[in-house]
Amino acid sequence: MRTIKYIAVSLLLMPLLVSAQTPLTLPTPGLTPDSAFYFLDRVGEALQEFFTFNSEAKARLQLEFVAERIAEIKSLLETKGVAAKGLGVAEERLKGGLSKAADILQGEKNKGKDVSSLAKDLGESVDSGTAALRETFKAEKRTLDVKKKDLKARISDAKKVGDTALVESLIAELNALKAEKDLLDEREGKQDDELGAESEKIDRQMEKKDDADNAMREAEFAKQEFLDEAAYLGIVVPEEILTKFDRLLAQAKELFTKENYEGAKELAKAADKSLEKAGDAIDGLSEAKEREDELREEKESQENEAV
């Protein structure tokens, strides 16, 4: 069976990596879930988690475990096929590791910390892990395709010599192989969906800083548009009309510097929304100005007629 020698799995474990993009070989799977001693693997990882205190290190540790799960899945598929005992355990633990990393990220974000850089690293690692898992499934599919081709050739040979019993036996093997391929496709689709969902959770955290920055920029742009429109109409905007906007945007910028991006985004949106009331005030001033202009023109017209 063809072995995948190099897979781009970024474990993001600092002592091991030069950068998040460094291609690494998958770790040796060691004990796999079909082993009676697999509980030792669980105990070892639980101890690692227990003695890892920094939240960022905890998140990166989960990515190391994710690589272990991918190695286990690869080993089970290669040695025992898609129906291997324990394959579901490895898949569930793979999903669990990614979910833990995403939850840690969410927790750090809730504390007001800037998680954009960590989210970027974890997102890249998840993408690499997903690619590695896909390659593992592809390798197994190629193996099944070779077996199918061999079986079809043997069936053809058996038919030529009229060995009906052998033909029936080989056809049964072929059907079992097709069922195995269908199950493999099903498992691959499930893994793609689940890993994709975890990746999206991480990606959303990475976007928080950019979203807040964009919201503040949009608010400032909206204010400038507001002032430009007032200037076009020949209206001098009283300072008090924009007091609420300026206060909210200043608070948003303060939260942004404190890395509370969610709060900054909400305040920037509130500032933008406050311009609606300011706009109503400007509309009132515009109407008043129009009435003044009409009265002035009427007065000037009457004065001209009197002359």
Protein backbone atom coordinates (compact mmCIF):
# COMPACT_ATOMS: atom_id res chain seq x y z
CA MET A 1 0.00 0.00 0.00
CA ARG A 2 1.24 3.39 -0.95
CA THR A 3 2.54 5.38 2.03
CA ILE A 4 2.12 9.14 2.30
CA LYS A 5 5.55 10.30 3.38
CA TYR A 6 5.04 14.01 3.75
CA ILE A 7 1.81 15.78 4.77
CA ALA A 8 1.50 19.50 5.47
CA VAL A 9 0.24 19.31 9.02
CA SER A 10 1.20 22.38 11.07
CA LEU A 11 1.11 21.32 14.69
CA LEU A 12 2.16 24.79 15.78
CA LEU A 13 4.06 23.34 18.73
CA MET A 14 6.71 26.00 19.20
CA PRO A 15 9.76 23.83 19.91
CA LEU A 16 9.10 21.84 16.76
CA LEU A 17 8.28 24.49 14.21
CA VAL A 18 10.15 27.22 12.44
CA SER A 19 6.93 28.67 11.00
CA ALA A 20 3.28 27.75 10.64
CA GLN A 21 3.90 26.81 7.03
CA THR A 22 6.68 24.27 7.65
CA PRO A 23 5.71 20.89 6.15
CA LEU A 24 6.06 18.08 8.69
CA THR A 25 5.69 14.33 8.59
CA LEU A 26 2.79 12.93 10.55
CA PRO A 27 3.80 11.64 13.98
CA THR A 28 4.05 7.90 14.58
CA PRO A 29 0.54 6.86 15.63
CA GLY A 30 1.76 4.59 18.42
CA LEU A 31 -1.24 2.98 20.10
CA THR A 32 -4.37 3.11 17.97
CA PRO A 33 -7.99 3.03 19.22
CA ASP A 34 -8.37 -0.67 18.36
CA SER A 35 -5.73 -1.53 20.99
CA ALA A 36 -6.74 -2.69 24.47
CA PHE A 37 -4.03 -0.37 25.83
CA TYR A 38 -5.29 2.73 24.03
CA PHE A 39 -6.44 4.11 27.38
CA LEU A 40 -2.76 4.78 28.12
CA ASP A 41 -2.70 7.20 25.20
CA ARG A 42 -5.72 9.01 26.64
CA VAL A 43 -4.13 9.20 30.08
CA GLY A 44 -0.88 10.58 28.64
CA GLU A 45 -2.67 13.33 26.73
CA ALA A 46 -4.83 14.18 29.75
CA LEU A 47 -1.68 14.67 31.79
CA GLN A 48 -0.20 16.92 29.12
CA GLU A 49 -3.34 19.04 29.18
CA PHE A 50 -3.30 19.17 32.98
CA PHE A 51 0.28 20.47 33.10
CA THR A 52 -0.22 23.00 30.30
CA PHE A 53 -1.31 26.26 31.92
CA ASN A 54 -1.08 28.94 29.23
CA SER A 55 -4.29 29.19 27.17
CA GLU A 56 -2.45 29.67 23.88
CA ALA A 57 -0.25 26.66 24.62
CA LYS A 58 -3.37 24.64 25.42
CA ALA A 59 -4.88 25.54 22.05
CA ARG A 60 -1.69 24.61 20.22
CA LEU A 61 -1.45 21.36 22.19
CA GLN A 62 -4.86 20.38 20.82
CA LEU A 63 -3.46 20.75 17.31
CA GLU A 64 -0.67 18.32 18.23
CA PHE A 65 -3.35 15.85 19.32
CA VAL A 66 -5.21 16.47 16.06
CA ALA A 67 -2.13 15.38 14.12
CA GLU A 68 -1.98 12.24 16.30
CA ARG A 69 -5.61 11.46 15.44
CA ILE A 70 -4.94 11.89 11.72
CA ALA A 71 -1.97 9.53 12.01
CA GLU A 72 -4.20 7.01 13.80
CA ILE A 73 -6.90 7.26 11.13
CA LYS A 74 -4.29 6.81 8.41
CA SER A 75 -2.81 3.76 10.14
CA LEU A 76 -6.22 2.13 10.70
CA LEU A 77 -7.32 2.71 7.13
CA GLU A 78 -4.10 1.32 5.71
CA THR A 79 -3.93 -1.76 7.90
CA LYS A 80 -7.55 -2.66 8.60
CA GLY A 81 -9.72 -0.71 6.18
CA VAL A 82 -12.67 1.59 6.57
CA ALA A 83 -14.56 -0.81 8.84
CA ALA A 84 -11.67 -0.97 11.33
CA LYS A 85 -12.58 -1.16 14.98
CA GLY A 86 -11.72 2.11 16.68
CA LEU A 87 -11.81 4.27 13.54
CA GLY A 88 -14.90 6.06 14.82
CA VAL A 89 -13.12 6.73 18.13
CA ALA A 90 -10.20 8.39 16.35
CA GLU A 91 -12.59 10.48 14.26
CA GLU A 92 -14.57 11.64 17.29
CA ARG A 93 -11.39 12.53 19.17
CA LEU A 94 -10.15 14.42 16.11
CA LYS A 95 -13.32 16.50 16.09
CA GLY A 96 -13.09 16.96 19.86
CA GLY A 97 -9.53 18.28 19.68
CA LEU A 98 -10.45 20.89 17.10
CA SER A 99 -13.53 21.86 19.08
CA LYS A 100 -11.42 22.35 22.22
CA ALA A 101 -9.00 24.59 20.33
CA ALA A 102 -11.90 26.68 19.02
CA ASP A 103 -13.46 26.91 22.50
CA ILE A 104 -10.16 28.05 24.04
CA LEU A 105 -9.94 30.70 21.33
CA GLN A 106 -13.48 31.83 22.09
CA GLY A 107 -12.70 32.00 25.80
CA GLU A 108 -9.66 34.20 25.22
CA LYS A 109 -11.69 36.46 22.96
CA ASN A 110 -14.40 36.78 25.62
CA LYS A 111 -11.72 38.04 28.01
CA GLY A 112 -11.07 40.88 25.58
CA LYS A 113 -7.77 39.50 24.32
CA ASP A 114 -6.55 39.85 20.75
CA VAL A 115 -6.90 36.35 19.31
CA SER A 116 -6.57 37.28 15.64
CA SER A 117 -2.95 36.06 15.34
CA LEU A 118 -3.62 32.81 17.19
CA ALA A 119 -6.81 32.26 15.19
CA LYS A 120 -4.82 32.72 11.99
CA ASP A 121 -2.26 30.13 13.08
CA LEU A 122 -4.89 27.65 14.20
CA GLY A 123 -6.91 28.21 11.04
CA GLU A 124 -3.89 27.41 8.89
CA SER A 125 -3.22 24.32 10.97
CA VAL A 126 -6.82 23.12 10.64
CA ASP A 127 -6.64 23.65 6.88
CA SER A 128 -3.41 21.67 6.71
CA GLY A 129 -4.85 18.92 8.90
CA THR A 130 -7.95 18.73 6.73
CA ALA A 131 -5.80 18.48 3.61
CA ALA A 132 -3.76 15.70 5.24
CA LEU A 133 -6.91 13.78 6.13
CA ARG A 134 -8.25 14.14 2.59
CA GLU A 135 -4.98 12.80 1.23
CA THR A 136 -5.26 9.83 3.59
CA PHE A 137 -8.72 9.01 2.26
CA LYS A 138 -7.53 9.47 -1.32
CA ALA A 139 -4.66 7.07 -0.74
CA GLU A 140 -7.06 4.43 0.58
CA LYS A 141 -9.38 4.97 -2.38
CA ARG A 142 -6.49 4.45 -4.77
CA THR A 143 -5.71 1.19 -2.98
CA LEU A 144 -9.32 0.05 -3.34
CA ASP A 145 -9.29 1.00 -7.02
CA VAL A 146 -6.22 -1.19 -7.57
CA LYS A 147 -7.95 -4.08 -5.80
CA LYS A 148 -11.11 -3.58 -7.87
CA LYS A 149 -9.11 -3.61 -11.09
CA ASP A 150 -7.36 -6.81 -10.01
CA LEU A 151 -10.66 -8.48 -9.08
CA LYS A 152 -12.26 -7.57 -12.39
CA ALA A 153 -9.31 -9.09 -14.24
CA ARG A 154 -9.57 -12.29 -12.18
CA ILE A 155 -13.33 -12.46 -12.80
CA SER A 156 -12.70 -12.15 -16.52
CA ASP A 157 -10.11 -14.94 -16.41
CA ALA A 158 -12.43 -17.16 -14.34
CA LYS A 159 -15.24 -16.67 -16.86
CA LYS A 160 -12.95 -17.65 -19.71
CA VAL A 161 -12.19 -21.01 -18.11
CA GLY A 162 -15.80 -21.51 -17.02
CA ASP A 163 -15.10 -21.58 -13.26
CA THR A 164 -18.57 -20.51 -12.12
CA ALA A 165 -17.91 -20.96 -8.39
CA LEU A 166 -14.81 -18.80 -8.55
CA VAL A 167 -16.65 -16.16 -10.55
CA GLU A 168 -19.38 -15.96 -7.93
CA SER A 169 -16.84 -15.77 -5.12
CA LEU A 170 -14.89 -13.00 -6.85
CA ILE A 171 -18.07 -11.04 -7.63
CA ALA A 172 -18.99 -11.22 -3.94
CA GLU A 173 -15.53 -9.81 -3.10
CA LEU A 174 -16.03 -7.06 -5.66
CA ASN A 175 -19.40 -6.09 -4.21
CA ALA A 176 -17.89 -5.99 -0.73
CA LEU A 177 -15.13 -3.78 -2.08
CA LYS A 178 -17.68 -1.41 -3.62
CA ALA A 179 -19.53 -1.23 -0.30
CA GLU A 180 -16.24 -0.44 1.41
CA LYS A 181 -15.63 2.36 -1.11
CA ASP A 182 -19.12 3.79 -0.45
CA LEU A 183 -18.48 3.73 3.30
CA LEU A 184 -15.14 5.44 2.76
CA ASP A 185 -16.86 8.19 0.75
CA GLU A 186 -19.43 8.58 3.51
CA ARG A 187 -16.79 8.89 6.22
CA GLU A 188 -14.78 11.36 4.17
CA GLY A 189 -17.84 13.54 3.60
CA LYS A 190 -18.67 13.50 7.30
CA GLN A 191 -15.11 14.46 8.24
CA ASP A 192 -15.10 17.31 5.71
CA ASP A 193 -18.35 18.69 7.11
CA GLU A 194 -17.26 18.44 10.75
CA LEU A 195 -13.77 19.85 10.23
CA GLY A 196 -15.22 22.58 8.04
CA ALA A 197 -17.57 23.61 10.85
CA GLU A 198 -14.71 23.84 13.36
CA SER A 199 -12.60 25.76 10.86
CA GLU A 200 -15.38 28.30 10.41
CA LYS A 201 -15.58 28.81 14.19
CA ILE A 202 -11.87 29.62 14.25
CA ASP A 203 -12.07 31.81 11.15
CA ARG A 204 -14.81 33.90 12.75
CA GLN A 205 -12.48 34.72 15.63
CA MET A 206 -9.74 35.74 13.20
CA GLU A 207 -12.14 38.21 11.55
CA LYS A 208 -13.12 40.06 14.75
CA LYS A 209 -10.29 42.60 14.62
CA ASP A 210 -10.80 43.34 10.93
CA ASP A 211 -14.57 43.64 11.43
CA ALA A 212 -14.14 46.18 14.22
CA ASP A 213 -11.62 48.20 12.20
CA ASN A 214 -13.94 48.20 9.17
CA ALA A 215 -16.92 49.25 11.30
CA MET A 216 -15.00 52.27 12.65
CA ARG A 217 -13.84 53.24 9.18
CA GLU A 218 -17.39 52.98 7.85
CA ALA A 219 -18.66 55.19 10.68
CA GLU A 220 -16.02 57.84 9.93
CA PHE A 221 -16.86 57.66 6.23
CA ALA A 222 -20.57 58.05 7.02
CA LYS A 223 -19.81 61.14 9.12
CA GLN A 224 -17.80 62.69 6.28
CA GLU A 225 -20.62 61.99 3.84
CA PHE A 226 -23.01 63.61 6.29
CA LEU A 227 -20.85 66.75 6.52
CA ASP A 228 -20.35 66.88 2.76
CA GLU A 229 -24.10 66.67 2.18
CA ALA A 230 -24.69 69.45 4.70
CA ALA A 231 -22.04 71.61 3.01
CA TYR A 232 -23.65 70.95 -0.39
CA LEU A 233 -26.96 72.15 1.02
CA GLY A 234 -25.24 75.20 2.49
CA ILE A 235 -25.99 74.17 6.06
CA VAL A 236 -23.63 74.81 8.95
CA VAL A 237 -23.86 71.75 11.21
CA PRO A 238 -24.09 72.68 14.90
CA GLU A 239 -21.48 70.86 16.96
CA GLU A 240 -24.06 69.42 19.37
CA ILE A 241 -25.72 67.44 16.57
CA LEU A 242 -22.67 65.18 16.27
CA THR A 243 -21.87 65.01 19.99
CA LYS A 244 -23.33 61.51 20.42
CA PHE A 245 -21.58 60.23 17.29
CA ASP A 246 -18.20 61.57 18.38
CA ARG A 247 -18.61 60.14 21.89
CA LEU A 248 -19.56 56.66 20.67
CA LEU A 249 -16.77 56.52 18.09
CA ALA A 250 -14.21 57.67 20.68
CA GLN A 251 -15.37 54.88 23.00
CA ALA A 252 -15.14 52.38 20.14
CA LYS A 253 -11.54 53.40 19.45
CA GLU A 254 -10.69 53.11 23.13
CA LEU A 255 -12.07 49.54 23.27
CA PHE A 256 -10.18 48.73 20.08
CA THR A 257 -6.88 49.74 21.68
CA LYS A 258 -7.77 47.44 24.60
CA GLU A 259 -8.31 44.61 22.08
CA ASN A 260 -12.04 44.38 22.83
CA TYR A 261 -12.94 44.11 19.17
CA GLU A 262 -16.52 42.95 19.61
CA GLY A 263 -17.31 45.93 21.84
CA ALA A 264 -15.53 48.32 19.47
CA LYS A 265 -17.53 47.00 16.54
CA GLU A 266 -20.87 47.42 18.35
CA LEU A 267 -20.08 50.98 19.45
CA ALA A 268 -18.95 51.92 15.93
CA LYS A 269 -22.25 50.62 14.58
CA ALA A 270 -24.13 52.58 17.24
CA ALA A 271 -22.22 55.71 16.24
CA ASP A 272 -23.14 55.12 12.60
CA LYS A 273 -26.78 54.66 13.57
CA SER A 274 -26.77 57.90 15.57
CA LEU A 275 -26.21 59.74 12.30
CA GLU A 276 -29.81 58.89 11.36
CA LYS A 277 -31.12 61.22 14.07
CA ALA A 278 -28.50 63.76 13.10
CA GLY A 279 -29.77 63.45 9.56
CA ASP A 280 -33.30 64.17 10.73
CA ALA A 281 -31.99 67.30 12.43
CA ILE A 282 -30.23 68.35 9.26
CA ASP A 283 -33.42 67.78 7.28
CA GLY A 284 -35.18 70.14 9.69
CA LEU A 285 -32.44 72.72 9.27
CA SER A 286 -32.62 72.29 5.50
CA GLU A 287 -36.36 72.87 5.47
CA ALA A 288 -35.96 75.90 7.72
CA LYS A 289 -33.27 77.26 5.41
CA GLU A 290 -35.52 76.76 2.40
CA ARG A 291 -38.33 78.67 4.13
CA GLU A 292 -35.89 81.46 5.01
CA ASP A 293 -34.70 81.59 1.41
CA GLU A 294 -38.28 81.68 0.16
CA LEU A 295 -39.22 84.44 2.59
CA ARG A 296 -36.09 86.41 1.68
CA GLU A 297 -36.78 86.04 -2.03
CA GLU A 298 -40.40 87.04 -1.49
CA LYS A 299 -39.34 90.06 0.53
CA GLU A 300 -36.75 91.07 -2.09
CA SER A 301 -39.38 90.67 -4.79
CA GLN A 302 -41.82 92.89 -2.89
CA GLU A 303 -39.12 95.51 -2.33
CA ASN A 304 -38.26 95.51 -6.05
CA GLU A 305 -41.90 95.92 -6.97
CA ALA A 306 -42.24 98.82 -4.53
CA VAL A 307 -39.29 100.56 -6.15
